[in-house]
C-alpha atoms as a PDB file:
ATOM      1  CA  MET A   1     -17.987 -95.077-260.530  1.00  0.00           C
ATOM      2  CA  ILE A   2     -20.694 -93.077-259.133  1.00  0.00           C
ATOM      3  CA  ARG A   3     -18.248 -90.707-257.685  1.00  0.00           C
ATOM      4  CA  SER A   4     -16.435 -89.876-260.989  1.00  0.00           C
ATOM      5  CA  SER A   5     -20.111 -89.734-262.874  1.00  0.00           C
ATOM      6  CA  PHE A   6     -21.001 -87.019-260.177  1.00  0.00           C
ATOM      7  CA  HIS A   7     -17.810 -85.152-260.834  1.00  0.00           C
ATOM      8  CA  TYR A   8     -18.144 -85.299-264.412  1.00  0.00           C
ATOM      9  CA  LEU A   9     -21.928 -84.030-264.126  1.00  0.00           C
ATOM     10  CA  PHE A  10     -20.893 -81.250-261.803  1.00  0.00           C
ATOM     11  CA  LEU A  11     -17.906 -80.045-264.077  1.00  0.00           C
ATOM     12  CA  ALA A  12     -20.187 -80.285-267.238  1.00  0.00           C
ATOM     13  CA  GLY A  13     -22.769 -78.182-265.210  1.00  0.00           C
ATOM     14  CA  ILE A  14     -20.188 -75.575-264.382  1.00  0.00           C
ATOM     15  CA  PHE A  15     -18.547 -75.371-267.928  1.00  0.00           C
ATOM     16  CA  GLY A  16     -21.695 -76.008-269.891  1.00  0.00           C
ATOM     17  CA  LEU A  17     -23.775 -73.033-268.744  1.00  0.00           C
ATOM     18  CA  ALA A  18     -24.760 -70.694-271.547  1.00  0.00           C
ATOM     19  CA  ALA A  19     -23.839 -67.647-269.551  1.00  0.00           C
ATOM     20  CA  VAL A  20     -23.212 -66.403-266.092  1.00  0.00           C
ATOM     21  CA  VAL A  21     -22.234 -62.966-264.902  1.00  0.00           C
ATOM     22  CA  SER A  22     -18.611 -63.675-263.431  1.00  0.00           C
ATOM     23  CA  GLY A  23     -17.547 -62.993-259.854  1.00  0.00           C
ATOM     24  CA  GLN A  24     -20.016 -61.520-257.329  1.00  0.00           C
ATOM     25  CA  GLY A  25     -22.203 -59.478-260.160  1.00  0.00           C
ATOM     26  CA  PHE A  26     -22.237 -55.821-260.773  1.00  0.00           C
ATOM     27  CA  GLU A  27     -24.531 -52.602-259.901  1.00  0.00           C
ATOM     28  CA  LEU A  28     -25.034 -49.981-262.632  1.00  0.00           C
ATOM     29  CA  LYS A  29     -26.273 -46.510-261.475  1.00  0.00           C
ATOM     30  CA  LEU A  30     -28.600 -44.679-263.743  1.00  0.00           C
ATOM     31  CA  GLN A  31     -28.321 -41.035-263.081  1.00  0.00           C
ATOM     32  CA  LEU A  32     -31.527 -38.981-263.572  1.00  0.00           C
ATOM     33  CA  GLN A  33     -32.250 -35.398-264.348  1.00  0.00           C
ATOM     34  CA  ARG A  34     -35.851 -34.034-264.124  1.00  0.00           C
ATOM     35  CA  ALA A  35     -37.221 -37.074-262.176  1.00  0.00           C
ATOM     36  CA  HIS A  36     -38.533 -37.415-258.853  1.00  0.00           C
ATOM     37  CA  ILE A  37     -35.318 -39.321-257.672  1.00  0.00           C
ATOM     38  CA  GLY A  38     -31.732 -38.769-258.580  1.00  0.00           C
ATOM     39  CA  GLU A  39     -30.907 -42.248-259.724  1.00  0.00           C
ATOM     40  CA  VAL A  40     -32.097 -45.806-259.943  1.00  0.00           C
ATOM     41  CA  PHE A  41     -29.884 -48.861-259.954  1.00  0.00           C
ATOM     42  CA  LEU A  42     -29.808 -52.197-261.836  1.00  0.00           C
ATOM     43  CA  GLY A  43     -27.511 -55.191-261.623  1.00  0.00           C
ATOM     44  CA  CYS A  44     -26.898 -58.807-260.941  1.00  0.00           C
ATOM     45  CA  GLN A  45     -26.001 -60.673-257.718  1.00  0.00           C
ATOM     46  CA  ASP A  46     -25.703 -64.242-256.496  1.00  0.00           C
ATOM     47  CA  GLY A  47     -28.943 -65.062-254.727  1.00  0.00           C
ATOM     48  CA  ALA A  48     -31.169 -62.500-256.526  1.00  0.00           C
ATOM     49  CA  THR A  49     -33.958 -63.419-258.734  1.00  0.00           C
ATOM     50  CA  SER A  50     -35.987 -61.874-261.585  1.00  0.00           C
ATOM     51  CA  ALA A  51     -38.900 -61.312-259.061  1.00  0.00           C
ATOM     52  CA  TYR A  52     -39.022 -58.985-256.374  1.00  0.00           C
ATOM     53  CA  ASP A  53     -36.290 -59.875-253.652  1.00  0.00           C
ATOM     54  CA  ARG A  54     -37.407 -58.371-250.276  1.00  0.00           C
ATOM     55  CA  LYS A  55     -33.922 -57.788-248.932  1.00  0.00           C
ATOM     56  CA  ILE A  56     -32.324 -56.776-252.289  1.00  0.00           C
ATOM     57  CA  ASP A  57     -34.678 -55.021-254.491  1.00  0.00           C
ATOM     58  CA  ILE A  58     -36.038 -51.525-253.360  1.00  0.00           C
ATOM     59  CA  PHE A  59     -39.244 -49.836-254.134  1.00  0.00           C
ATOM     60  CA  ALA A  60     -39.357 -46.288-255.712  1.00  0.00           C
ATOM     61  CA  PRO A  61     -40.665 -43.497-253.671  1.00  0.00           C
ATOM     62  CA  PRO A  62     -44.028 -42.181-254.938  1.00  0.00           C
ATOM     63  CA  PRO A  63     -44.121 -39.440-257.604  1.00  0.00           C
ATOM     64  CA  GLY A  64     -43.324 -35.816-256.800  1.00  0.00           C
ATOM     65  CA  MET A  65     -45.036 -32.841-257.898  1.00  0.00           C
ATOM     66  CA  GLN A  66     -44.430 -31.194-261.270  1.00  0.00           C
ATOM     67  CA  THR A  67     -41.454 -33.722-261.978  1.00  0.00           C
ATOM     68  CA  GLY A  68     -40.796 -36.759-263.934  1.00  0.00           C
ATOM     69  CA  TYR A  69     -41.541 -40.251-262.655  1.00  0.00           C
ATOM     70  CA  VAL A  70     -39.052 -43.069-263.112  1.00  0.00           C
ATOM     71  CA  GLY A  71     -38.746 -46.702-261.858  1.00  0.00           C
ATOM     72  CA  PHE A  72     -38.310 -50.278-262.782  1.00  0.00           C
ATOM     73  CA  THR A  73     -41.425 -52.422-263.435  1.00  0.00           C
ATOM     74  CA  SER A  74     -41.984 -55.235-261.012  1.00  0.00           C
ATOM     75  CA  PRO A  75     -42.932 -58.789-262.504  1.00  0.00           C
ATOM     76  CA  ASN A  76     -45.758 -58.592-260.109  1.00  0.00           C
ATOM     77  CA  PRO A  77     -48.208 -55.615-261.308  1.00  0.00           C
ATOM     78  CA  LYS A  78     -49.606 -55.141-257.872  1.00  0.00           C
ATOM     79  CA  LEU A  79     -46.027 -53.947-256.557  1.00  0.00           C
ATOM     80  CA  PRO A  80     -45.105 -50.228-257.207  1.00  0.00           C
ATOM     81  CA  LEU A  81     -42.106 -49.414-259.352  1.00  0.00           C
ATOM     82  CA  LEU A  82     -38.710 -50.446-258.299  1.00  0.00           C
ATOM     83  CA  TYR A  83     -35.778 -47.952-257.315  1.00  0.00           C
ATOM     84  CA  LYS A  84     -33.397 -50.788-257.197  1.00  0.00           C
ATOM     85  CA  ASP A  85     -33.847 -54.033-259.423  1.00  0.00           C
ATOM     86  CA  ILE A  86     -31.292 -56.638-258.902  1.00  0.00           C
ATOM     87  CA  ARG A  87     -31.419 -60.013-260.858  1.00  0.00           C
ATOM     88  CA  GLY A  88     -29.517 -63.373-260.550  1.00  0.00           C
ATOM     89  CA  LEU A  89     -26.269 -64.075-262.181  1.00  0.00           C
ATOM     90  CA  ASP A  90     -27.724 -66.031-265.121  1.00  0.00           C
ATOM     91  CA  LEU A  91     -27.872 -64.517-268.643  1.00  0.00           C
ATOM     92  CA  PRO A  92     -29.646 -63.103-270.446  1.00  0.00           C
ATOM     93  CA  GLN A  93     -31.537 -60.686-268.053  1.00  0.00           C
ATOM     94  CA  GLU A  94     -33.725 -57.627-268.865  1.00  0.00           C
ATOM     95  CA  TRP A  95     -35.210 -54.828-267.124  1.00  0.00           C
ATOM     96  CA  LYS A  96     -38.148 -52.366-268.057  1.00  0.00           C
ATOM     97  CA  LEU A  97     -37.634 -48.837-266.933  1.00  0.00           C
ATOM     98  CA  GLN A  98     -40.873 -46.858-266.739  1.00  0.00           C
ATOM     99  CA  CYS A  99     -40.319 -43.223-267.674  1.00  0.00           C
ATOM    100  CA  GLN A 100     -43.120 -40.570-267.321  1.00  0.00           C
ATOM    101  CA  PRO A 101     -41.702 -37.031-268.229  1.00  0.00           C
ATOM    102  CA  GLU A 102     -43.588 -33.936-266.731  1.00  0.00           C
ATOM    103  CA  GLY A 103     -44.952 -31.733-269.315  1.00  0.00           C
ATOM    104  CA  ASN A 104     -42.386 -30.905-271.901  1.00  0.00           C
ATOM    105  CA  GLN A 105     -39.486 -31.557-269.630  1.00  0.00           C
ATOM    106  CA  ALA A 106     -37.521 -34.522-270.954  1.00  0.00           C
ATOM    107  CA  ILE A 107     -35.857 -36.861-268.517  1.00  0.00           C
ATOM    108  CA  VAL A 108     -32.253 -37.306-268.883  1.00  0.00           C
ATOM    109  CA  LEU A 109     -30.514 -40.730-268.054  1.00  0.00           C
ATOM    110  CA  SER A 110     -26.924 -40.994-268.032  1.00  0.00           C
ATOM    111  CA  TRP A 111     -24.493 -43.881-266.890  1.00  0.00           C
ATOM    112  CA  SER A 112     -20.776 -44.806-266.610  1.00  0.00           C
ATOM    113  CA  ALA A 113     -19.680 -47.586-268.979  1.00  0.00           C
ATOM    114  CA  ASP A 114     -16.913 -48.431-266.575  1.00  0.00           C
ATOM    115  CA  SER A 115     -19.554 -50.150-264.404  1.00  0.00           C
ATOM    116  CA  ILE A 116     -20.526 -52.795-267.097  1.00  0.00           C
ATOM    117  CA  PRO A 117     -18.364 -55.775-266.636  1.00  0.00           C
ATOM    118  CA  GLU A 118     -16.206 -57.043-269.335  1.00  0.00           C
ATOM    119  CA  GLY A 119     -17.609 -59.635-271.542  1.00  0.00           C
ATOM    120  CA  LEU A 120     -21.121 -58.433-271.161  1.00  0.00           C
ATOM    121  CA  ALA A 121     -23.205 -56.358-273.651  1.00  0.00           C
ATOM    122  CA  LEU A 122     -25.846 -54.088-272.195  1.00  0.00           C
ATOM    123  CA  THR A 123     -28.227 -52.319-274.600  1.00  0.00           C
ATOM    124  CA  ILE A 124     -31.094 -49.883-273.951  1.00  0.00           C
ATOM    125  CA  LYS A 125     -34.031 -49.833-276.387  1.00  0.00           C
ATOM    126  CA  GLN A 126     -36.050 -46.842-276.998  1.00  0.00           C
ATOM    127  CA  ASP A 127     -38.558 -46.393-279.789  1.00  0.00           C
ATOM    128  CA  ASP A 128     -37.568 -49.795-281.518  1.00  0.00           C
ATOM    129  CA  ARG A 129     -33.800 -48.519-281.697  1.00  0.00           C
ATOM    130  CA  ALA A 130     -31.178 -50.180-279.729  1.00  0.00           C
ATOM    131  CA  PHE A 131     -28.078 -48.462-278.270  1.00  0.00           C
ATOM    132  CA  ASP A 132     -24.955 -50.126-276.841  1.00  0.00           C
ATOM    133  CA  MET A 133     -24.718 -48.772-273.283  1.00  0.00           C
ATOM    134  CA  ARG A 134     -20.753 -48.873-273.679  1.00  0.00           C
ATOM    135  CA  THR A 135     -20.749 -46.051-276.571  1.00  0.00           C
ATOM    136  CA  VAL A 136     -23.942 -44.075-275.675  1.00  0.00           C
ATOM    137  CA  LYS A 137     -23.761 -42.870-272.112  1.00  0.00           C
ATOM    138  CA  ARG A 138     -26.665 -40.538-272.070  1.00  0.00           C
ATOM    139  CA  MET A 139     -30.341 -40.611-273.281  1.00  0.00           C
ATOM    140  CA  GLU A 140     -33.302 -38.287-273.253  1.00  0.00           C
ATOM    141  CA  VAL A 141     -37.004 -39.486-272.788  1.00  0.00           C
ATOM    142  CA  LYS A 142     -39.523 -36.782-274.030  1.00  0.00           C
ATOM    143  CA  LYS A 143     -42.593 -38.942-273.787  1.00  0.00           C
ATOM    144  CA  THR A 144     -44.046 -41.498-271.613  1.00  0.00           C
ATOM    145  CA  THR A 145     -42.307 -44.719-272.318  1.00  0.00           C
ATOM    146  CA  THR A 146     -40.898 -48.063-271.072  1.00  0.00           C
ATOM    147  CA  LEU A 147     -37.417 -48.561-271.972  1.00  0.00           C
ATOM    148  CA  LEU A 148     -36.062 -52.078-272.321  1.00  0.00           C
ATOM    149  CA  ILE A 149     -32.645 -52.816-270.935  1.00  0.00           C
ATOM    150  CA  GLU A 150     -31.039 -56.209-272.074  1.00  0.00           C
ATOM    151  CA  LEU A 151     -27.958 -57.813-270.621  1.00  0.00           C
ATOM    152  CA  LYS A 152     -26.160 -60.749-272.542  1.00  0.00           C
ATOM    153  CA  LYS A 153     -22.971 -62.218-273.097  1.00  0.00           C
ATOM    154  CA  ALA A 154     -20.880 -60.099-275.569  1.00  0.00           C
ATOM    155  CA  PRO A 155     -20.544 -61.327-279.057  1.00  0.00           C
END
């Protein structure tokens, strides 16, 4: 009886999860123009968390001279921006991408929708407008702002 109850609870736990990224996760490269680095990465992987993970997440280099500055904010405000921010497999997940253009030079972000796993919806919000990252594959940021990127199970 104990064994079958355990198996029932185990299977219920597996099949009863609201949503989980399938497989080993994914990584999405956001290419950058007019920024201090050429790309940043977000993604999900087994064993990662929404906090800073020392062997998984990577700090962004300091800003350059006369160029935009881009990086993911860390949940710990004492830490610098992140170049690579990988989260766990549970859904939903969200990333905050801080963008600081230099002067009147807009930062341009672009990405490949092929890197977004099937069955998941990834949106990017700018100025209270949400864009599906499967259909919109490029965005300009003309003023200092924090973009919100949300990952959830597709409807």
